[in-house]
Amino acid sequence: MDDNALVNRKIAFISAFIIAYWTLVIYRGNTSDPIRYSLLERNKERMKYLQKLYCGEEKHCITELRMGKSVFFKLCHKLRAMGTLRDTWHCTVEEQIAMFLTTVGHHKKNSDISFHFTRSGETVSRYFNEVLYAIGQLGPEMLRHRSTDIPSKILGNPRFDPYFKTSMQLGSLVCFRHHMPIHPHKMQI
């Protein structure tokens, strides 16, 4: 390699280095640091929102949680008494259930809930799953099995006969609706 080619290579390397350096300087100059809020401010905001939700008017609680305040606090007490949910250092059972009910009641995403409750998405997701599990534990206690008995006012009433037909199958009474057309060839689509 001759001296002229070596000098050209060094010039190309130095100019590429200078361009890369200035690109980095310009890029770093255009980015700004994220605005950070103190933990105390966020806690005050959250407590103000929760206070308005729990202790405010009944209509706000119904709008946000889809249930009245008395029902909400009974649910919180029930889940706390069962031992499936407990207060943590940073989040009460009431707040956990409020996040869950707001998510389910308004079909919201974790990012929306984390904004309203000033929590991280991971925290919202964790408490959502914990409350979902706790609600699932209420199932055997709150839900009753379906009964195969037909109420007497329906069973003997001729008013319901065109809609229900009873038959004995496998030793149990089964009800089903008739939706068969009388003339299938006259059906229009």
Protein backbone atom coordinates (compact mmCIF):
# COMPACT_ATOMS: atom_id res chain seq x y z
CA MET A 1 0.00 0.00 0.00
CA ASP A 2 1.44 3.35 -0.91
CA ASP A 3 1.59 6.42 1.33
CA ASN A 4 -1.21 8.22 -0.49
CA ALA A 5 -3.71 5.36 0.08
CA LEU A 6 -2.71 5.15 3.76
CA VAL A 7 -3.27 8.88 4.24
CA ASN A 8 -6.68 8.65 2.53
CA ARG A 9 -7.66 5.77 4.85
CA LYS A 10 -6.64 7.70 7.95
CA ILE A 11 -8.59 10.76 6.79
CA ALA A 12 -11.69 8.62 6.13
CA PHE A 13 -11.40 7.00 9.58
CA ILE A 14 -10.96 10.34 11.39
CA SER A 15 -13.86 11.97 9.49
CA ALA A 16 -16.14 8.99 10.28
CA PHE A 17 -15.15 9.26 13.94
CA ILE A 18 -15.90 13.01 14.02
CA ILE A 19 -19.30 12.52 12.35
CA ALA A 20 -20.21 9.75 14.81
CA TYR A 21 -19.08 11.86 17.77
CA TRP A 22 -21.13 14.92 16.71
CA THR A 23 -24.17 12.75 15.99
CA LEU A 24 -23.95 11.40 19.53
CA VAL A 25 -23.55 14.90 21.00
CA ILE A 26 -26.55 16.21 19.07
CA TYR A 27 -28.67 13.16 20.01
CA ARG A 28 -27.88 13.51 23.71
CA GLY A 29 -28.60 17.23 23.59
CA ASN A 30 -32.11 16.63 22.20
CA THR A 31 -33.21 14.13 24.83
CA SER A 32 -34.57 15.48 28.05
CA ASP A 33 -34.69 13.81 31.40
CA PRO A 34 -38.10 12.47 32.40
CA ILE A 35 -40.04 14.54 34.86
CA ARG A 36 -40.03 12.82 38.20
CA TYR A 37 -42.54 13.36 40.96
CA SER A 38 -41.80 12.77 44.57
CA LEU A 39 -43.24 9.70 46.21
CA LEU A 40 -44.97 11.91 48.74
CA GLU A 41 -46.82 13.82 46.01
CA ARG A 42 -47.97 10.61 44.34
CA ASN A 43 -49.16 9.19 47.65
CA LYS A 44 -51.11 12.38 48.36
CA GLU A 45 -52.76 12.21 44.93
CA ARG A 46 -53.65 8.55 45.39
CA MET A 47 -55.04 9.08 48.89
CA LYS A 48 -57.10 12.05 47.68
CA TYR A 49 -58.60 9.94 44.87
CA LEU A 50 -59.32 6.99 47.17
CA GLN A 51 -60.81 9.26 49.84
CA LYS A 52 -63.15 10.73 47.23
CA LEU A 53 -64.05 7.22 46.10
CA TYR A 54 -64.65 5.66 49.54
CA CYS A 55 -65.97 8.60 51.54
CA GLY A 56 -67.52 10.71 48.82
CA GLU A 57 -70.98 10.48 47.39
CA GLU A 58 -72.61 7.12 46.77
CA LYS A 59 -73.03 7.87 43.06
CA HIS A 60 -69.25 8.23 42.56
CA CYS A 61 -68.67 4.82 44.13
CA ILE A 62 -71.39 3.25 41.97
CA THR A 63 -70.02 4.92 38.84
CA GLU A 64 -66.43 3.83 39.41
CA LEU A 65 -66.79 0.48 41.21
CA ARG A 66 -70.22 -0.54 39.91
CA MET A 67 -71.47 -1.14 43.46
CA GLY A 68 -72.54 0.86 46.46
CA LYS A 69 -70.19 1.74 49.30
CA SER A 70 -71.81 -0.64 51.80
CA VAL A 71 -71.57 -3.59 49.39
CA PHE A 72 -67.98 -2.66 48.55
CA PHE A 73 -66.92 -2.57 52.20
CA LYS A 74 -68.75 -5.86 52.90
CA LEU A 75 -66.83 -7.48 50.04
CA CYS A 76 -63.55 -6.09 51.39
CA HIS A 77 -64.35 -7.34 54.88
CA LYS A 78 -65.32 -10.79 53.55
CA LEU A 79 -62.12 -11.22 51.54
CA ARG A 80 -60.01 -9.95 54.42
CA ALA A 81 -61.76 -12.30 56.89
CA MET A 82 -61.26 -15.30 54.59
CA GLY A 83 -57.53 -14.60 54.61
CA THR A 84 -57.24 -14.54 50.83
CA LEU A 85 -56.36 -10.82 50.76
CA ARG A 86 -54.45 -8.77 53.28
CA ASP A 87 -53.21 -5.22 53.62
CA THR A 88 -49.64 -4.75 52.46
CA TRP A 89 -47.20 -2.06 53.48
CA HIS A 90 -48.15 0.10 50.51
CA CYS A 91 -51.64 -1.02 49.43
CA THR A 92 -54.80 -1.71 51.40
CA VAL A 93 -57.33 -4.41 50.57
CA GLU A 94 -59.81 -1.69 49.64
CA GLU A 95 -57.43 -0.22 47.08
CA GLN A 96 -56.62 -3.67 45.65
CA ILE A 97 -60.31 -4.46 45.19
CA ALA A 98 -61.03 -0.96 43.82
CA MET A 99 -58.32 -1.44 41.15
CA PHE A 100 -59.80 -4.84 40.25
CA LEU A 101 -63.40 -3.59 40.09
CA THR A 102 -62.43 -0.55 38.01
CA THR A 103 -60.53 -2.76 35.57
CA VAL A 104 -63.38 -5.24 35.19
CA GLY A 105 -66.25 -2.75 35.42
CA HIS A 106 -64.91 -0.35 32.80
CA HIS A 107 -62.93 -2.81 30.64
CA LYS A 108 -59.75 -0.80 31.26
CA LYS A 109 -56.14 -1.70 30.62
CA ASN A 110 -53.46 -1.85 33.29
CA SER A 111 -51.95 1.38 31.98
CA ASP A 112 -55.24 3.23 32.52
CA ILE A 113 -55.59 1.87 36.05
CA SER A 114 -51.96 2.63 36.87
CA PHE A 115 -52.58 6.24 35.82
CA HIS A 116 -55.74 6.67 37.94
CA PHE A 117 -54.32 4.95 41.02
CA THR A 118 -50.74 6.22 40.46
CA ARG A 119 -49.28 2.74 40.61
CA SER A 120 -46.93 0.92 38.30
CA GLY A 121 -48.34 -1.48 35.72
CA GLU A 122 -46.63 -4.38 37.49
CA THR A 123 -48.30 -3.48 40.79
CA VAL A 124 -51.72 -3.22 39.16
CA SER A 125 -51.24 -6.57 37.43
CA ARG A 126 -50.07 -8.30 40.62
CA TYR A 127 -53.00 -7.06 42.70
CA PHE A 128 -55.46 -7.80 39.88
CA ASN A 129 -54.35 -11.43 39.86
CA GLU A 130 -54.46 -11.67 43.66
CA VAL A 131 -58.00 -10.27 43.83
CA LEU A 132 -59.11 -12.49 40.95
CA TYR A 133 -57.86 -15.54 42.86
CA ALA A 134 -59.59 -14.33 46.04
CA ILE A 135 -62.89 -13.81 44.20
CA GLY A 136 -62.53 -17.32 42.81
CA GLN A 137 -62.25 -18.63 46.37
CA LEU A 138 -65.67 -17.11 47.13
CA GLY A 139 -67.27 -19.33 44.49
CA PRO A 140 -68.17 -22.39 46.57
CA GLU A 141 -69.60 -20.21 49.31
CA MET A 142 -71.55 -17.71 47.21
CA LEU A 143 -72.73 -19.78 44.26
CA ARG A 144 -75.25 -22.56 44.59
CA HIS A 145 -75.61 -25.51 42.29
CA ARG A 146 -78.34 -25.43 39.73
CA SER A 147 -81.50 -27.21 40.69
CA THR A 148 -83.24 -29.64 38.35
CA ASP A 149 -86.60 -28.91 39.98
CA ILE A 150 -89.07 -26.90 37.93
CA PRO A 151 -91.06 -24.37 39.94
CA SER A 152 -94.66 -25.46 40.46
CA LYS A 153 -96.08 -22.28 38.96
CA ILE A 154 -94.35 -23.12 35.65
CA LEU A 155 -94.79 -26.91 35.70
CA GLY A 156 -98.58 -27.01 35.77
CA ASN A 157 -99.31 -23.76 33.97
CA PRO A 158 -100.64 -24.16 30.40
CA ARG A 159 -99.33 -20.67 29.60
CA PHE A 160 -95.76 -22.01 29.60
CA ASP A 161 -96.50 -25.28 27.75
CA PRO A 162 -95.93 -23.91 24.24
CA TYR A 163 -92.43 -22.77 25.27
CA PHE A 164 -91.22 -25.59 27.50
CA LYS A 165 -91.47 -29.31 27.08
CA THR A 166 -90.56 -31.60 29.92
CA SER A 167 -89.22 -35.07 29.50
CA MET A 168 -87.55 -37.61 31.68
CA GLN A 169 -84.06 -38.43 30.52
CA LEU A 170 -81.63 -40.43 32.59
CA GLY A 171 -83.74 -40.00 35.69
CA SER A 172 -83.65 -36.20 35.70
CA LEU A 173 -86.12 -33.61 34.51
CA VAL A 174 -84.82 -31.57 31.58
CA CYS A 175 -86.39 -28.40 30.13
CA PHE A 176 -85.69 -27.08 26.69
CA ARG A 177 -87.26 -24.59 24.26
CA HIS A 178 -88.87 -25.48 20.97
CA HIS A 179 -87.46 -23.50 18.07
CA MET A 180 -88.33 -25.89 15.23
CA PRO A 181 -90.20 -24.21 12.39
CA ILE A 182 -93.42 -25.88 11.28
CA HIS A 183 -92.60 -25.52 7.58
CA PRO A 184 -88.80 -25.56 7.10
CA HIS A 185 -89.10 -25.06 3.33
CA LYS A 186 -90.80 -21.67 3.87
CA MET A 187 -87.87 -20.25 5.87
CA GLN A 188 -86.24 -17.18 4.39
CA ILE A 189 -82.65 -16.20 4.91
